[in-house]
Amino acid sequence: MARREHVQIKTAAEIAKMRVAGLLVAKTLARLREAVAPGVSTADLDALAEKTIRADGGIPSFKGYAQPPYPASICSSVNDEVVHAIPSRKRVLREGDIISIDCGAIVDGWHGDAAITVPVGEVGPDVLAMIETCEGSLWAGLAAAQLGGRLTDISAAVERHIKPHDYGIVDHYGGHGIGTEMHQPPHVLNYGRPGRGIRLVEGLALAIEPMITMGSADTTVLSDDWTVVTRDGSLAAHTEHSVAITHRGPWVLTEPDGGVARLAALGVACGQPADAPTGIA
């Protein structure tokens, strides 16, 4: 594998291996989305995630990660928790909550990483609008992941989608490179001027990861050294996909159809090869 400025560049065969990990993440998140309901604990979701990942020969990316070692297979961030909240039997979902579920899997040494924000039962239209804006900003960023562009083209596209809606854009935290490690250079901010940063070259894989709030963008980390919450207690949404830069366009490795439908709606061609695996069976 070639490396440019310490950024890991993958071959087409290696990106294909990342697609396998990405599809396992997609499958796991689909099952978790269906399982979210009032009365379900975040530990229940974590157990389902680990079972799903290991049943298909994968390894949870998060479990044992970093210091202090992360103790679970998913991050399950509820309401004002932005990211990295640890699943617990004591955290039982209630009607009207929202939950961000972040999931990673390793298959044959390669990582996939994605996140969704899901309403628990019925939530207000303002909350649904925030979740939809966060997801829309993710797809705006994915559409901007074009060969020959610059890293901050992605950041600027995410910000442009969010700004008219007046949500807080969480700073410091963001996306990252991904490959043989879950977190690699470069760091991908969710705001900034376009045309800066590294060149987007074929074989670069990134996890794009918007995080927005209904109030202030200021955050703090709780005493568990993991959970990031909004300082003002406002609700937060978080979405993520892993994407590969190809000469055909962006290939969303953690989306079952590779991103074909959502990118087409934005007027962007998907880089998924014709013979690539799809679906989450």
C-alpha atoms as a PDB file:
ATOM      1  CA  MET A   1       0.000   0.000   0.000  1.00  0.00           C
ATOM      2  CA  ALA A   2       1.252   3.429  -0.909  1.00  0.00           C
ATOM      3  CA  ARG A   3       1.211   6.161   1.725  1.00  0.00           C
ATOM      4  CA  ARG A   4       1.065   9.853   0.958  1.00  0.00           C
ATOM      5  CA  GLU A   5       1.684  12.291   3.828  1.00  0.00           C
ATOM      6  CA  HIS A   6       0.976   9.439   6.259  1.00  0.00           C
ATOM      7  CA  VAL A   7      -2.474   8.933   4.699  1.00  0.00           C
ATOM      8  CA  GLN A   8      -3.222   5.317   3.801  1.00  0.00           C
ATOM      9  CA  ILE A   9      -4.062   4.811   0.129  1.00  0.00           C
ATOM     10  CA  LYS A  10      -5.716   1.504  -0.744  1.00  0.00           C
ATOM     11  CA  THR A  11      -5.707  -0.616  -3.874  1.00  0.00           C
ATOM     12  CA  ALA A  12      -8.986  -1.535  -5.566  1.00  0.00           C
ATOM     13  CA  ALA A  13      -8.751  -5.009  -4.009  1.00  0.00           C
ATOM     14  CA  GLU A  14      -8.323  -3.501  -0.544  1.00  0.00           C
ATOM     15  CA  ILE A  15     -11.285  -1.181  -1.002  1.00  0.00           C
ATOM     16  CA  ALA A  16     -13.307  -4.263  -1.999  1.00  0.00           C
ATOM     17  CA  LYS A  17     -12.356  -5.846   1.336  1.00  0.00           C
ATOM     18  CA  MET A  18     -13.485  -2.682   3.116  1.00  0.00           C
ATOM     19  CA  ARG A  19     -16.822  -3.029   1.328  1.00  0.00           C
ATOM     20  CA  VAL A  20     -17.336  -6.409   3.025  1.00  0.00           C
ATOM     21  CA  ALA A  21     -16.776  -4.802   6.425  1.00  0.00           C
ATOM     22  CA  GLY A  22     -19.021  -1.910   5.429  1.00  0.00           C
ATOM     23  CA  LEU A  23     -21.885  -4.204   4.483  1.00  0.00           C
ATOM     24  CA  LEU A  24     -21.601  -5.949   7.840  1.00  0.00           C
ATOM     25  CA  VAL A  25     -21.877  -2.577   9.578  1.00  0.00           C
ATOM     26  CA  ALA A  26     -24.921  -1.758   7.421  1.00  0.00           C
ATOM     27  CA  LYS A  27     -26.534  -5.075   8.314  1.00  0.00           C
ATOM     28  CA  THR A  28     -25.886  -4.522  12.006  1.00  0.00           C
ATOM     29  CA  LEU A  29     -27.285  -0.985  12.001  1.00  0.00           C
ATOM     30  CA  ALA A  30     -30.406  -2.143  10.127  1.00  0.00           C
ATOM     31  CA  ARG A  31     -31.073  -4.697  12.851  1.00  0.00           C
ATOM     32  CA  LEU A  32     -30.450  -2.150  15.576  1.00  0.00           C
ATOM     33  CA  ARG A  33     -32.792   0.364  13.937  1.00  0.00           C
ATOM     34  CA  GLU A  34     -35.553  -2.251  13.994  1.00  0.00           C
ATOM     35  CA  ALA A  35     -34.795  -3.095  17.642  1.00  0.00           C
ATOM     36  CA  VAL A  36     -35.027   0.494  18.931  1.00  0.00           C
ATOM     37  CA  ALA A  37     -38.220   0.834  20.989  1.00  0.00           C
ATOM     38  CA  PRO A  38     -39.400   2.086  24.374  1.00  0.00           C
ATOM     39  CA  GLY A  39     -38.291  -0.329  27.111  1.00  0.00           C
ATOM     40  CA  VAL A  40     -35.182  -1.536  25.274  1.00  0.00           C
ATOM     41  CA  SER A  41     -31.898  -0.868  27.071  1.00  0.00           C
ATOM     42  CA  THR A  42     -28.792   0.343  25.304  1.00  0.00           C
ATOM     43  CA  ALA A  43     -27.076  -2.808  26.607  1.00  0.00           C
ATOM     44  CA  ASP A  44     -29.687  -4.871  24.738  1.00  0.00           C
ATOM     45  CA  LEU A  45     -28.728  -3.054  21.546  1.00  0.00           C
ATOM     46  CA  ASP A  46     -25.061  -3.617  22.214  1.00  0.00           C
ATOM     47  CA  ALA A  47     -25.581  -7.369  22.703  1.00  0.00           C
ATOM     48  CA  LEU A  48     -27.488  -7.564  19.409  1.00  0.00           C
ATOM     49  CA  ALA A  49     -24.733  -5.673  17.614  1.00  0.00           C
ATOM     50  CA  GLU A  50     -21.961  -7.936  18.880  1.00  0.00           C
ATOM     51  CA  LYS A  51     -23.968 -11.060  18.058  1.00  0.00           C
ATOM     52  CA  THR A  52     -24.618  -9.846  14.515  1.00  0.00           C
ATOM     53  CA  ILE A  53     -21.018  -8.828  13.855  1.00  0.00           C
ATOM     54  CA  ARG A  54     -19.478 -12.020  15.214  1.00  0.00           C
ATOM     55  CA  ALA A  55     -22.039 -14.293  13.502  1.00  0.00           C
ATOM     56  CA  ASP A  56     -20.713 -13.091  10.134  1.00  0.00           C
ATOM     57  CA  GLY A  57     -17.066 -13.559  11.105  1.00  0.00           C
ATOM     58  CA  GLY A  58     -16.414  -9.949  12.041  1.00  0.00           C
ATOM     59  CA  ILE A  59     -14.880  -8.338  15.099  1.00  0.00           C
ATOM     60  CA  PRO A  60     -16.390  -5.257  16.772  1.00  0.00           C
ATOM     61  CA  SER A  61     -14.046  -2.343  16.056  1.00  0.00           C
ATOM     62  CA  PHE A  62     -14.929  -0.452  19.212  1.00  0.00           C
ATOM     63  CA  LYS A  63     -14.543  -3.117  21.896  1.00  0.00           C
ATOM     64  CA  GLY A  64     -11.247  -2.608  23.743  1.00  0.00           C
ATOM     65  CA  TYR A  65     -10.381   0.447  21.645  1.00  0.00           C
ATOM     66  CA  ALA A  66      -8.066   3.183  23.016  1.00  0.00           C
ATOM     67  CA  GLN A  67      -7.428   4.139  26.642  1.00  0.00           C
ATOM     68  CA  PRO A  68      -9.358   3.706  28.807  1.00  0.00           C
ATOM     69  CA  PRO A  69     -10.442   0.660  26.749  1.00  0.00           C
ATOM     70  CA  TYR A  70     -13.927   1.123  25.345  1.00  0.00           C
ATOM     71  CA  PRO A  71     -16.075  -1.658  26.884  1.00  0.00           C
ATOM     72  CA  ALA A  72     -18.771  -2.193  24.233  1.00  0.00           C
ATOM     73  CA  SER A  73     -19.429  -2.936  20.555  1.00  0.00           C
ATOM     74  CA  ILE A  74     -21.451   0.208  19.816  1.00  0.00           C
ATOM     75  CA  CYS A  75     -21.725   3.763  21.061  1.00  0.00           C
ATOM     76  CA  SER A  76     -25.321   4.488  22.117  1.00  0.00           C
ATOM     77  CA  SER A  77     -25.785   8.222  22.648  1.00  0.00           C
ATOM     78  CA  VAL A  78     -29.232   9.280  23.870  1.00  0.00           C
ATOM     79  CA  ASN A  79     -30.764  12.777  23.649  1.00  0.00           C
ATOM     80  CA  ASP A  80     -28.100  15.301  24.774  1.00  0.00           C
ATOM     81  CA  GLU A  81     -25.312  12.727  24.424  1.00  0.00           C
ATOM     82  CA  VAL A  82     -23.530  13.592  21.187  1.00  0.00           C
ATOM     83  CA  VAL A  83     -21.172  10.636  20.725  1.00  0.00           C
ATOM     84  CA  HIS A  84     -19.290   7.854  22.533  1.00  0.00           C
ATOM     85  CA  ALA A  85     -21.880   7.042  25.206  1.00  0.00           C
ATOM     86  CA  ILE A  86     -21.348   3.572  26.708  1.00  0.00           C
ATOM     87  CA  PRO A  87     -24.262   1.091  26.583  1.00  0.00           C
ATOM     88  CA  SER A  88     -25.796   0.210  29.945  1.00  0.00           C
ATOM     89  CA  ARG A  89     -28.548  -1.962  31.402  1.00  0.00           C
ATOM     90  CA  LYS A  90     -29.624   1.096  33.352  1.00  0.00           C
ATOM     91  CA  ARG A  91     -30.153   3.224  30.247  1.00  0.00           C
ATOM     92  CA  VAL A  92     -33.604   2.172  29.076  1.00  0.00           C
ATOM     93  CA  LEU A  93     -35.082   3.954  26.064  1.00  0.00           C
ATOM     94  CA  ARG A  94     -38.289   5.913  26.548  1.00  0.00           C
ATOM     95  CA  GLU A  95     -40.949   7.195  24.175  1.00  0.00           C
ATOM     96  CA  GLY A  96     -39.754  10.485  22.669  1.00  0.00           C
ATOM     97  CA  ASP A  97     -36.013   9.826  23.080  1.00  0.00           C
ATOM     98  CA  ILE A  98     -33.599   9.878  20.189  1.00  0.00           C
ATOM     99  CA  ILE A  99     -30.519   7.673  20.014  1.00  0.00           C
ATOM    100  CA  SER A 100     -27.351   7.842  17.962  1.00  0.00           C
ATOM    101  CA  ILE A 101     -25.935   4.366  17.314  1.00  0.00           C
ATOM    102  CA  ASP A 102     -22.337   4.263  16.095  1.00  0.00           C
ATOM    103  CA  CYS A 103     -21.043   0.879  14.929  1.00  0.00           C
ATOM    104  CA  GLY A 104     -17.757  -0.444  13.578  1.00  0.00           C
ATOM    105  CA  ALA A 105     -16.685  -3.877  12.367  1.00  0.00           C
ATOM    106  CA  ILE A 106     -13.423  -5.470  11.258  1.00  0.00           C
ATOM    107  CA  VAL A 107     -13.403  -8.149   8.549  1.00  0.00           C
ATOM    108  CA  ASP A 108     -10.112  -9.635   7.332  1.00  0.00           C
ATOM    109  CA  GLY A 109      -8.223  -6.759   8.948  1.00  0.00           C
ATOM    110  CA  TRP A 110     -10.271  -3.957   7.330  1.00  0.00           C
ATOM    111  CA  HIS A 111     -12.702  -1.600   9.077  1.00  0.00           C
ATOM    112  CA  GLY A 112     -16.165  -0.270   8.350  1.00  0.00           C
ATOM    113  CA  ASP A 113     -17.715   2.523  10.432  1.00  0.00           C
ATOM    114  CA  ALA A 114     -21.142   4.169  10.290  1.00  0.00           C
ATOM    115  CA  ALA A 115     -23.748   5.777  12.543  1.00  0.00           C
ATOM    116  CA  ILE A 116     -27.479   6.519  12.527  1.00  0.00           C
ATOM    117  CA  THR A 117     -29.755   8.629  14.713  1.00  0.00           C
ATOM    118  CA  VAL A 118     -33.123   7.006  15.389  1.00  0.00           C
ATOM    119  CA  PRO A 119     -36.267   8.322  17.107  1.00  0.00           C
ATOM    120  CA  VAL A 120     -37.723   6.165  19.873  1.00  0.00           C
ATOM    121  CA  GLY A 121     -41.436   5.961  19.183  1.00  0.00           C
ATOM    122  CA  GLU A 122     -43.052   9.309  18.392  1.00  0.00           C
ATOM    123  CA  VAL A 123     -40.980  12.494  18.481  1.00  0.00           C
ATOM    124  CA  GLY A 124     -41.839  16.053  17.538  1.00  0.00           C
ATOM    125  CA  PRO A 125     -41.477  17.412  13.997  1.00  0.00           C
ATOM    126  CA  ASP A 126     -38.678  19.713  15.142  1.00  0.00           C
ATOM    127  CA  VAL A 127     -36.668  16.721  16.328  1.00  0.00           C
ATOM    128  CA  LEU A 128     -37.307  14.802  13.103  1.00  0.00           C
ATOM    129  CA  ALA A 129     -36.207  17.878  11.156  1.00  0.00           C
ATOM    130  CA  MET A 130     -32.895  17.967  13.038  1.00  0.00           C
ATOM    131  CA  ILE A 131     -32.265  14.275  12.350  1.00  0.00           C
ATOM    132  CA  GLU A 132     -33.103  14.744   8.659  1.00  0.00           C
ATOM    133  CA  THR A 133     -30.817  17.763   8.420  1.00  0.00           C
ATOM    134  CA  CYS A 134     -27.945  15.819   9.959  1.00  0.00           C
ATOM    135  CA  GLU A 135     -28.444  12.959   7.514  1.00  0.00           C
ATOM    136  CA  GLY A 136     -28.782  15.370   4.609  1.00  0.00           C
ATOM    137  CA  SER A 137     -25.519  17.066   5.556  1.00  0.00           C
ATOM    138  CA  LEU A 138     -23.819  13.671   5.560  1.00  0.00           C
ATOM    139  CA  TRP A 139     -24.955  13.009   2.001  1.00  0.00           C
ATOM    140  CA  ALA A 140     -23.898  16.485   0.933  1.00  0.00           C
ATOM    141  CA  GLY A 141     -20.428  15.674   2.261  1.00  0.00           C
ATOM    142  CA  LEU A 142     -20.377  12.276   0.573  1.00  0.00           C
ATOM    143  CA  ALA A 143     -21.361  13.855  -2.750  1.00  0.00           C
ATOM    144  CA  ALA A 144     -18.414  16.247  -2.397  1.00  0.00           C
ATOM    145  CA  ALA A 145     -15.925  13.385  -1.963  1.00  0.00           C
ATOM    146  CA  GLN A 146     -14.763  13.693  -5.556  1.00  0.00           C
ATOM    147  CA  LEU A 147     -11.480  12.690  -7.159  1.00  0.00           C
ATOM    148  CA  GLY A 148      -9.167  15.694  -7.510  1.00  0.00           C
ATOM    149  CA  GLY A 149     -10.965  17.793  -4.903  1.00  0.00           C
ATOM    150  CA  ARG A 150      -9.643  18.884  -1.532  1.00  0.00           C
ATOM    151  CA  LEU A 151     -10.480  17.565   1.901  1.00  0.00           C
ATOM    152  CA  THR A 152     -12.285  20.709   3.025  1.00  0.00           C
ATOM    153  CA  ASP A 153     -14.601  20.524   0.016  1.00  0.00           C
ATOM    154  CA  ILE A 154     -16.327  17.831   2.096  1.00  0.00           C
ATOM    155  CA  SER A 155     -16.289  19.972   5.244  1.00  0.00           C
ATOM    156  CA  ALA A 156     -17.730  22.968   3.423  1.00  0.00           C
ATOM    157  CA  ALA A 157     -20.498  20.887   1.818  1.00  0.00           C
ATOM    158  CA  VAL A 158     -21.564  19.554   5.218  1.00  0.00           C
ATOM    159  CA  GLU A 159     -21.603  23.061   6.689  1.00  0.00           C
ATOM    160  CA  ARG A 160     -23.525  24.555   3.746  1.00  0.00           C
ATOM    161  CA  HIS A 161     -26.314  22.044   4.240  1.00  0.00           C
ATOM    162  CA  ILE A 162     -26.613  22.711   7.979  1.00  0.00           C
ATOM    163  CA  LYS A 163     -26.214  26.498   8.134  1.00  0.00           C
ATOM    164  CA  PRO A 164     -29.650  27.549   6.796  1.00  0.00           C
ATOM    165  CA  HIS A 165     -31.289  25.488   9.553  1.00  0.00           C
ATOM    166  CA  ASP A 166     -29.459  27.244  12.396  1.00  0.00           C
ATOM    167  CA  TYR A 167     -28.302  24.141  14.268  1.00  0.00           C
ATOM    168  CA  GLY A 168     -25.092  24.039  16.250  1.00  0.00           C
ATOM    169  CA  ILE A 169     -22.211  22.287  14.461  1.00  0.00           C
ATOM    170  CA  VAL A 170     -20.076  20.437  16.997  1.00  0.00           C
ATOM    171  CA  ASP A 171     -16.421  21.420  16.681  1.00  0.00           C
ATOM    172  CA  HIS A 172     -13.273  19.401  17.439  1.00  0.00           C
ATOM    173  CA  TYR A 173     -15.074  16.124  16.701  1.00  0.00           C
ATOM    174  CA  GLY A 174     -15.584  14.919  13.143  1.00  0.00           C
ATOM    175  CA  GLY A 175     -14.738  12.304  10.571  1.00  0.00           C
ATOM    176  CA  HIS A 176     -11.472  10.542   9.833  1.00  0.00           C
ATOM    177  CA  GLY A 177      -9.530   8.309   7.540  1.00  0.00           C
ATOM    178  CA  ILE A 178     -10.301   4.599   7.812  1.00  0.00           C
ATOM    179  CA  GLY A 179      -8.689   1.376   6.608  1.00  0.00           C
ATOM    180  CA  THR A 180      -6.525  -1.075   8.520  1.00  0.00           C
ATOM    181  CA  GLU A 181      -7.234   1.076  11.586  1.00  0.00           C
ATOM    182  CA  MET A 182     -10.576   2.557  12.518  1.00  0.00           C
ATOM    183  CA  HIS A 183      -9.178   6.062  12.994  1.00  0.00           C
ATOM    184  CA  GLN A 184      -6.485   7.281  10.611  1.00  0.00           C
ATOM    185  CA  PRO A 185      -5.403  10.642   9.224  1.00  0.00           C
ATOM    186  CA  PRO A 186      -6.838  12.894   7.958  1.00  0.00           C
ATOM    187  CA  HIS A 187      -9.281  14.479  10.413  1.00  0.00           C
ATOM    188  CA  VAL A 188     -12.434  15.607   8.583  1.00  0.00           C
ATOM    189  CA  LEU A 189     -14.116  18.641  10.154  1.00  0.00           C
ATOM    190  CA  ASN A 190     -17.791  19.386   9.541  1.00  0.00           C
ATOM    191  CA  TYR A 191     -17.192  23.048   8.716  1.00  0.00           C
ATOM    192  CA  GLY A 192     -14.629  25.149   6.885  1.00  0.00           C
ATOM    193  CA  ARG A 193     -13.698  26.834   3.629  1.00  0.00           C
ATOM    194  CA  PRO A 194     -13.437  24.628   0.530  1.00  0.00           C
ATOM    195  CA  GLY A 195     -10.260  24.053  -1.441  1.00  0.00           C
ATOM    196  CA  ARG A 196      -7.948  23.267   1.460  1.00  0.00           C
ATOM    197  CA  GLY A 197      -6.303  20.184   2.894  1.00  0.00           C
ATOM    198  CA  ILE A 198      -5.049  17.085   1.155  1.00  0.00           C
ATOM    199  CA  ARG A 199      -6.006  16.223  -2.391  1.00  0.00           C
ATOM    200  CA  LEU A 200      -8.746  13.584  -2.695  1.00  0.00           C
ATOM    201  CA  VAL A 201      -7.030  10.757  -4.555  1.00  0.00           C
ATOM    202  CA  GLU A 202      -8.195   7.364  -5.711  1.00  0.00           C
ATOM    203  CA  GLY A 203      -7.920   4.775  -2.932  1.00  0.00           C
ATOM    204  CA  LEU A 204      -8.450   7.228  -0.084  1.00  0.00           C
ATOM    205  CA  ALA A 205     -11.186   6.090   2.323  1.00  0.00           C
ATOM    206  CA  LEU A 206     -12.864   8.436   4.786  1.00  0.00           C
ATOM    207  CA  ALA A 207     -15.529   8.234   7.465  1.00  0.00           C
ATOM    208  CA  ILE A 208     -17.640  11.398   7.168  1.00  0.00           C
ATOM    209  CA  GLU A 209     -19.413  12.163  10.440  1.00  0.00           C
ATOM    210  CA  PRO A 210     -21.642  15.213  11.012  1.00  0.00           C
ATOM    211  CA  MET A 211     -22.785  16.043  14.572  1.00  0.00           C
ATOM    212  CA  ILE A 212     -25.310  18.815  15.205  1.00  0.00           C
ATOM    213  CA  THR A 213     -27.291  20.169  18.151  1.00  0.00           C
ATOM    214  CA  MET A 214     -30.585  21.986  18.661  1.00  0.00           C
ATOM    215  CA  GLY A 215     -28.829  24.532  20.877  1.00  0.00           C
ATOM    216  CA  SER A 216     -25.241  25.501  21.569  1.00  0.00           C
ATOM    217  CA  ALA A 217     -22.484  23.543  19.855  1.00  0.00           C
ATOM    218  CA  ASP A 218     -20.435  23.522  23.080  1.00  0.00           C
ATOM    219  CA  THR A 219     -19.769  20.070  24.536  1.00  0.00           C
ATOM    220  CA  THR A 220     -18.131  18.460  27.539  1.00  0.00           C
ATOM    221  CA  VAL A 221     -16.879  14.940  28.346  1.00  0.00           C
ATOM    222  CA  LEU A 222     -18.382  13.083  31.301  1.00  0.00           C
ATOM    223  CA  SER A 223     -16.407  11.393  34.076  1.00  0.00           C
ATOM    224  CA  ASP A 224     -16.351   8.045  32.213  1.00  0.00           C
ATOM    225  CA  ASP A 225     -13.812   9.734  29.871  1.00  0.00           C
ATOM    226  CA  TRP A 226     -15.917   8.763  26.863  1.00  0.00           C
ATOM    227  CA  THR A 227     -19.402  10.249  26.751  1.00  0.00           C
ATOM    228  CA  VAL A 228     -19.619  13.632  24.996  1.00  0.00           C
ATOM    229  CA  VAL A 229     -22.695  15.704  25.924  1.00  0.00           C
ATOM    230  CA  THR A 230     -24.007  19.143  24.987  1.00  0.00           C
ATOM    231  CA  ARG A 231     -23.209  21.724  27.670  1.00  0.00           C
ATOM    232  CA  ASP A 232     -26.680  23.225  27.542  1.00  0.00           C
ATOM    233  CA  GLY A 233     -28.533  19.890  27.564  1.00  0.00           C
ATOM    234  CA  SER A 234     -29.911  20.358  24.054  1.00  0.00           C
ATOM    235  CA  LEU A 235     -30.637  17.370  21.817  1.00  0.00           C
ATOM    236  CA  ALA A 236     -27.969  16.186  19.380  1.00  0.00           C
ATOM    237  CA  ALA A 237     -27.947  14.151  16.169  1.00  0.00           C
ATOM    238  CA  HIS A 238     -25.060  12.211  14.630  1.00  0.00           C
ATOM    239  CA  THR A 239     -24.732  10.330  11.343  1.00  0.00           C
ATOM    240  CA  GLU A 240     -21.798   8.667   9.575  1.00  0.00           C
ATOM    241  CA  HIS A 241     -20.794   6.660   6.517  1.00  0.00           C
ATOM    242  CA  SER A 242     -17.487   5.309   5.226  1.00  0.00           C
ATOM    243  CA  VAL A 243     -16.715   6.308   1.631  1.00  0.00           C
ATOM    244  CA  ALA A 244     -13.985   5.465  -0.879  1.00  0.00           C
ATOM    245  CA  ILE A 245     -12.706   7.908  -3.503  1.00  0.00           C
ATOM    246  CA  THR A 246     -12.769   6.275  -6.961  1.00  0.00           C
ATOM    247  CA  HIS A 247     -12.336   7.521 -10.519  1.00  0.00           C
ATOM    248  CA  ARG A 248     -16.038   6.826 -11.087  1.00  0.00           C
ATOM    249  CA  GLY A 249     -17.173   8.864  -8.067  1.00  0.00           C
ATOM    250  CA  PRO A 250     -17.693   8.314  -4.326  1.00  0.00           C
ATOM    251  CA  TRP A 251     -18.482   4.741  -3.257  1.00  0.00           C
ATOM    252  CA  VAL A 252     -20.338   4.637   0.067  1.00  0.00           C
ATOM    253  CA  LEU A 253     -19.007   1.427   1.576  1.00  0.00           C
ATOM    254  CA  THR A 254     -21.477   1.282   4.480  1.00  0.00           C
ATOM    255  CA  GLU A 255     -24.654   1.877   2.429  1.00  0.00           C
ATOM    256  CA  PRO A 256     -26.316  -1.292   1.047  1.00  0.00           C
ATOM    257  CA  ASP A 257     -26.608   0.061  -2.517  1.00  0.00           C
ATOM    258  CA  GLY A 258     -23.223   1.795  -2.348  1.00  0.00           C
ATOM    259  CA  GLY A 259     -24.923   5.183  -2.298  1.00  0.00           C
ATOM    260  CA  VAL A 260     -26.404   4.897  -5.787  1.00  0.00           C
ATOM    261  CA  ALA A 261     -29.883   6.232  -4.958  1.00  0.00           C
ATOM    262  CA  ARG A 262     -28.998   9.075  -2.576  1.00  0.00           C
ATOM    263  CA  LEU A 263     -26.096  10.303  -4.694  1.00  0.00           C
ATOM    264  CA  ALA A 264     -28.211  10.198  -7.873  1.00  0.00           C
ATOM    265  CA  ALA A 265     -30.779  12.419  -6.145  1.00  0.00           C
ATOM    266  CA  LEU A 266     -27.957  14.945  -5.695  1.00  0.00           C
ATOM    267  CA  GLY A 267     -26.854  14.625  -9.328  1.00  0.00           C
ATOM    268  CA  VAL A 268     -23.708  12.664  -8.461  1.00  0.00           C
ATOM    269  CA  ALA A 269     -22.525   9.380  -9.972  1.00  0.00           C
ATOM    270  CA  CYS A 270     -21.696   6.566  -7.554  1.00  0.00           C
ATOM    271  CA  GLY A 271     -18.285   4.941  -7.822  1.00  0.00           C
ATOM    272  CA  GLN A 272     -19.461   1.423  -7.030  1.00  0.00           C
ATOM    273  CA  PRO A 273     -18.061  -1.142  -9.520  1.00  0.00           C
ATOM    274  CA  ALA A 274     -20.628  -3.124 -11.473  1.00  0.00           C
ATOM    275  CA  ASP A 275     -19.472  -6.408  -9.885  1.00  0.00           C
ATOM    276  CA  ALA A 276     -19.350  -5.134  -6.293  1.00  0.00           C
ATOM    277  CA  PRO A 277     -21.413  -6.866  -3.580  1.00  0.00           C
ATOM    278  CA  THR A 278     -24.588  -5.080  -2.478  1.00  0.00           C
ATOM    279  CA  GLY A 279     -27.331  -5.735   0.055  1.00  0.00           C
ATOM    280  CA  ILE A 280     -27.294  -6.687   3.739  1.00  0.00           C
ATOM    281  CA  ALA A 281     -28.516 -10.299   3.717  1.00  0.00           C
END
